[in-house]
Amino acid sequence: MIDLPSDLPARLAEQEKSGIRWEWLSQKERDSRLNPAAVLIPLIKLHNQWHLVYTLRSVRLHDHSGQVSFPGGSWDPTDTSLTETALREAWEEIGLDPAAVQVMGCMAQVAMITRFVVTPVVGIVNWPTPLTVNPDEVDRVFSIPLDWLADPTNQEFRVHTHGGIDFDVPYFKPYDGETVWGATAGMTLDFLRLIK
């Protein structure tokens, strides 16, 4: 059974220094302006196991509609940090009270083909805590055990082509009827590598 390392904040601080992951962007896209954004990677302890919490984005949204993601969104000028962005967005999307989240740190930023550079913020949620889903942004909230996510038989890569370049895109097998893939799967794998 996977447990969180006691030095998780130090591991996150070290990884955050590694810079932006660019693998899904062409050089032209790397040279263009990217908008800052953040997601919260929420950890909960459920039935004596650590789980990651995911959302299924509403089909009415412009970006990543109908996809599984972590709660998050664009940085707002009123946000004092990208950590605040992640917590604010989690509050707006799923009603997760920022006071119920113990922020452990940030992972390395990820550049997205949708012109965002995303900072993943890792937080432990005081669970159970009430959630109120915003139906304009989220269709459902669910969690997946870390043990299931870490099992290599539940992971695969598929080739996607973007801008004439082939990329190996991570996928997880369906869990509870949902498929985690793309950047969200990549961040999940990064987190799993971080805690091993």
Protein backbone atom coordinates (compact mmCIF):
# COMPACT_ATOMS: atom_id res chain seq x y z
CA MET A 1 0.00 0.00 0.00
CA ILE A 2 1.41 3.40 -1.02
CA ASP A 3 2.02 5.92 1.73
CA LEU A 4 3.15 9.51 1.38
CA PRO A 5 6.83 10.12 2.15
CA SER A 6 7.54 12.22 5.23
CA ASP A 7 9.81 14.47 3.15
CA LEU A 8 7.12 15.19 0.52
CA PRO A 9 7.44 19.02 0.84
CA ALA A 10 11.21 18.80 0.25
CA ARG A 11 10.73 16.51 -2.76
CA LEU A 12 8.18 18.92 -4.22
CA ALA A 13 10.48 21.91 -3.67
CA GLU A 14 13.28 20.08 -5.50
CA GLN A 15 11.05 19.08 -8.42
CA GLU A 16 9.58 22.58 -8.73
CA LYS A 17 13.09 23.86 -9.49
CA SER A 18 13.38 21.59 -12.55
CA GLY A 19 11.59 24.07 -14.83
CA ILE A 20 8.84 23.73 -17.41
CA ARG A 21 8.05 20.41 -19.12
CA TRP A 22 7.78 21.17 -22.84
CA GLU A 23 7.43 17.78 -24.50
CA TRP A 24 4.03 18.40 -26.11
CA LEU A 25 4.87 21.75 -27.73
CA SER A 26 6.68 22.57 -30.95
CA GLN A 27 9.49 25.14 -30.90
CA LYS A 28 7.16 27.76 -32.39
CA GLU A 29 4.65 27.16 -29.60
CA ARG A 30 7.44 27.29 -27.00
CA ASP A 31 8.43 30.71 -28.28
CA SER A 32 4.87 32.08 -28.04
CA ARG A 33 3.34 33.62 -24.93
CA LEU A 34 1.91 31.07 -22.50
CA ASN A 35 -0.75 32.01 -19.95
CA PRO A 36 -0.19 31.00 -16.31
CA ALA A 37 -2.61 28.56 -14.73
CA ALA A 38 -2.65 26.14 -11.79
CA VAL A 39 -4.37 22.93 -10.76
CA LEU A 40 -4.82 21.42 -7.33
CA ILE A 41 -3.74 17.79 -6.99
CA PRO A 42 -5.95 16.87 -4.03
CA LEU A 43 -5.02 13.88 -1.88
CA ILE A 44 -7.58 12.28 0.41
CA LYS A 45 -7.35 9.31 2.78
CA LEU A 46 -10.31 7.03 2.07
CA HIS A 47 -10.72 3.51 3.52
CA ASN A 48 -7.11 3.68 4.79
CA GLN A 49 -5.77 4.36 1.28
CA TRP A 50 -4.51 7.53 -0.34
CA HIS A 51 -6.59 8.65 -3.33
CA LEU A 52 -6.26 11.44 -5.88
CA VAL A 53 -9.40 13.48 -6.53
CA TYR A 54 -10.37 14.23 -10.14
CA THR A 55 -13.17 16.12 -11.85
CA LEU A 56 -15.01 15.42 -15.06
CA ARG A 57 -15.15 18.77 -16.82
CA SER A 58 -18.48 19.98 -18.14
CA VAL A 59 -19.10 19.50 -21.86
CA ARG A 60 -20.15 23.17 -21.93
CA LEU A 61 -16.60 24.40 -21.26
CA HIS A 62 -14.38 25.73 -24.07
CA ASP A 63 -11.06 24.14 -22.97
CA HIS A 64 -10.78 20.39 -22.28
CA SER A 65 -14.56 19.93 -22.18
CA GLY A 66 -15.76 16.48 -21.15
CA GLN A 67 -12.27 15.44 -20.01
CA VAL A 68 -10.99 14.26 -16.66
CA SER A 69 -8.82 16.84 -14.93
CA PHE A 70 -7.71 18.16 -11.59
CA PRO A 71 -9.63 21.21 -10.36
CA GLY A 72 -7.92 24.37 -11.59
CA GLY A 73 -7.78 27.17 -14.11
CA SER A 74 -6.22 30.44 -15.19
CA TRP A 75 -4.29 32.76 -12.94
CA ASP A 76 -6.24 35.90 -12.07
CA PRO A 77 -4.48 39.25 -11.38
CA THR A 78 -6.11 39.27 -7.94
CA ASP A 79 -4.37 35.99 -7.06
CA THR A 80 -1.24 36.53 -4.97
CA SER A 81 0.30 33.26 -6.19
CA LEU A 82 -0.39 30.24 -8.37
CA THR A 83 -1.09 28.28 -5.18
CA GLU A 84 -3.88 30.75 -4.50
CA THR A 85 -5.09 30.24 -8.09
CA ALA A 86 -5.35 26.47 -7.57
CA LEU A 87 -7.20 26.86 -4.26
CA ARG A 88 -9.55 29.53 -5.64
CA GLU A 89 -10.39 27.42 -8.69
CA ALA A 90 -11.01 24.32 -6.54
CA TRP A 91 -13.40 26.41 -4.44
CA GLU A 92 -15.20 27.75 -7.54
CA GLU A 93 -15.41 24.38 -9.31
CA ILE A 94 -16.15 21.88 -6.54
CA GLY A 95 -16.72 23.98 -3.41
CA LEU A 96 -13.52 22.72 -1.74
CA ASP A 97 -12.85 25.05 1.20
CA PRO A 98 -9.21 26.27 1.00
CA ALA A 99 -9.04 25.97 4.80
CA ALA A 100 -9.54 22.20 4.41
CA VAL A 101 -6.38 21.87 2.25
CA GLN A 102 -2.87 21.52 3.64
CA VAL A 103 -0.65 22.65 0.76
CA MET A 104 2.46 20.48 0.52
CA GLY A 105 4.13 22.32 -2.38
CA CYS A 106 4.24 22.62 -6.17
CA MET A 107 5.46 20.27 -8.88
CA ALA A 108 7.30 21.28 -12.05
CA GLN A 109 5.24 23.39 -14.44
CA VAL A 110 3.72 21.77 -17.53
CA ALA A 111 3.31 23.58 -20.87
CA MET A 112 0.02 22.77 -22.62
CA ILE A 113 -0.95 22.86 -26.29
CA THR A 114 -3.85 25.13 -25.23
CA ARG A 115 -1.27 27.90 -24.55
CA PHE A 116 -1.21 27.53 -20.77
CA VAL A 117 1.74 26.80 -18.50
CA VAL A 118 0.23 24.92 -15.55
CA THR A 119 1.59 24.74 -12.02
CA PRO A 120 0.40 21.58 -10.21
CA VAL A 121 -0.14 22.32 -6.50
CA VAL A 122 -0.21 19.26 -4.22
CA GLY A 123 -2.48 19.42 -1.20
CA ILE A 124 -3.79 17.02 1.45
CA VAL A 125 -7.52 17.50 2.00
CA ASN A 126 -9.00 17.10 5.47
CA TRP A 127 -11.43 14.32 4.52
CA PRO A 128 -14.36 14.03 4.65
CA THR A 129 -15.16 17.62 3.79
CA PRO A 130 -18.31 18.87 2.05
CA LEU A 131 -18.11 19.61 -1.68
CA THR A 132 -20.52 21.63 -3.83
CA VAL A 133 -20.05 20.96 -7.54
CA ASN A 134 -20.52 23.91 -9.91
CA PRO A 135 -22.54 22.31 -12.77
CA ASP A 136 -21.37 24.98 -15.23
CA GLU A 137 -17.80 23.73 -14.86
CA VAL A 138 -17.87 20.17 -13.53
CA ASP A 139 -20.10 17.17 -14.24
CA ARG A 140 -18.77 14.98 -11.41
CA VAL A 141 -16.06 14.49 -8.80
CA PHE A 142 -14.46 11.12 -8.11
CA SER A 143 -11.29 9.65 -6.64
CA ILE A 144 -8.85 6.91 -7.65
CA PRO A 145 -6.58 5.04 -5.20
CA LEU A 146 -2.85 5.68 -5.58
CA ASP A 147 -2.25 1.92 -5.46
CA TRP A 148 -4.43 1.44 -8.56
CA LEU A 149 -2.80 4.36 -10.39
CA ALA A 150 0.70 3.06 -9.59
CA ASP A 151 -0.02 -0.40 -11.04
CA PRO A 152 1.76 -0.50 -14.43
CA THR A 153 -0.97 -2.78 -15.83
CA ASN A 154 -3.37 0.20 -15.55
CA GLN A 155 -1.09 2.51 -17.57
CA GLU A 156 -0.40 2.81 -21.30
CA PHE A 157 0.81 5.27 -23.92
CA ARG A 158 -0.91 6.12 -27.19
CA VAL A 159 0.53 8.09 -30.09
CA HIS A 160 -1.10 11.47 -30.81
CA THR A 161 -0.04 13.82 -33.60
CA HIS A 162 0.07 17.58 -33.02
CA GLY A 163 1.58 20.06 -35.46
CA GLY A 164 2.89 17.21 -37.58
CA ILE A 165 4.82 15.71 -34.63
CA ASP A 166 4.00 12.38 -32.98
CA PHE A 167 3.86 12.29 -29.18
CA ASP A 168 3.48 9.41 -26.73
CA VAL A 169 0.51 10.47 -24.60
CA PRO A 170 -0.10 8.75 -21.25
CA TYR A 171 -3.42 7.06 -20.52
CA PHE A 172 -4.83 5.11 -17.61
CA LYS A 173 -7.34 2.33 -18.12
CA PRO A 174 -10.92 3.37 -17.29
CA TYR A 175 -11.70 3.61 -13.57
CA ASP A 176 -15.25 4.15 -12.32
CA GLY A 177 -16.24 4.76 -15.96
CA GLU A 178 -13.71 7.58 -16.49
CA THR A 179 -10.40 7.72 -18.38
CA VAL A 180 -7.52 9.85 -17.11
CA TRP A 181 -5.24 10.80 -20.00
CA GLY A 182 -3.08 13.55 -21.49
CA ALA A 183 -1.64 16.26 -19.25
CA THR A 184 -3.66 15.10 -16.24
CA ALA A 185 -2.29 11.56 -16.63
CA GLY A 186 1.20 13.03 -17.07
CA MET A 187 0.92 15.01 -13.85
CA THR A 188 -0.40 11.91 -12.09
CA LEU A 189 2.59 9.87 -13.28
CA ASP A 190 4.97 12.68 -12.24
CA PHE A 191 3.42 12.64 -8.77
CA LEU A 192 3.69 8.85 -8.51
CA ARG A 193 7.38 9.01 -9.49
CA LEU A 194 7.91 11.77 -6.93
CA ILE A 195 6.58 9.73 -3.99
CA LYS A 196 8.32 6.42 -4.83
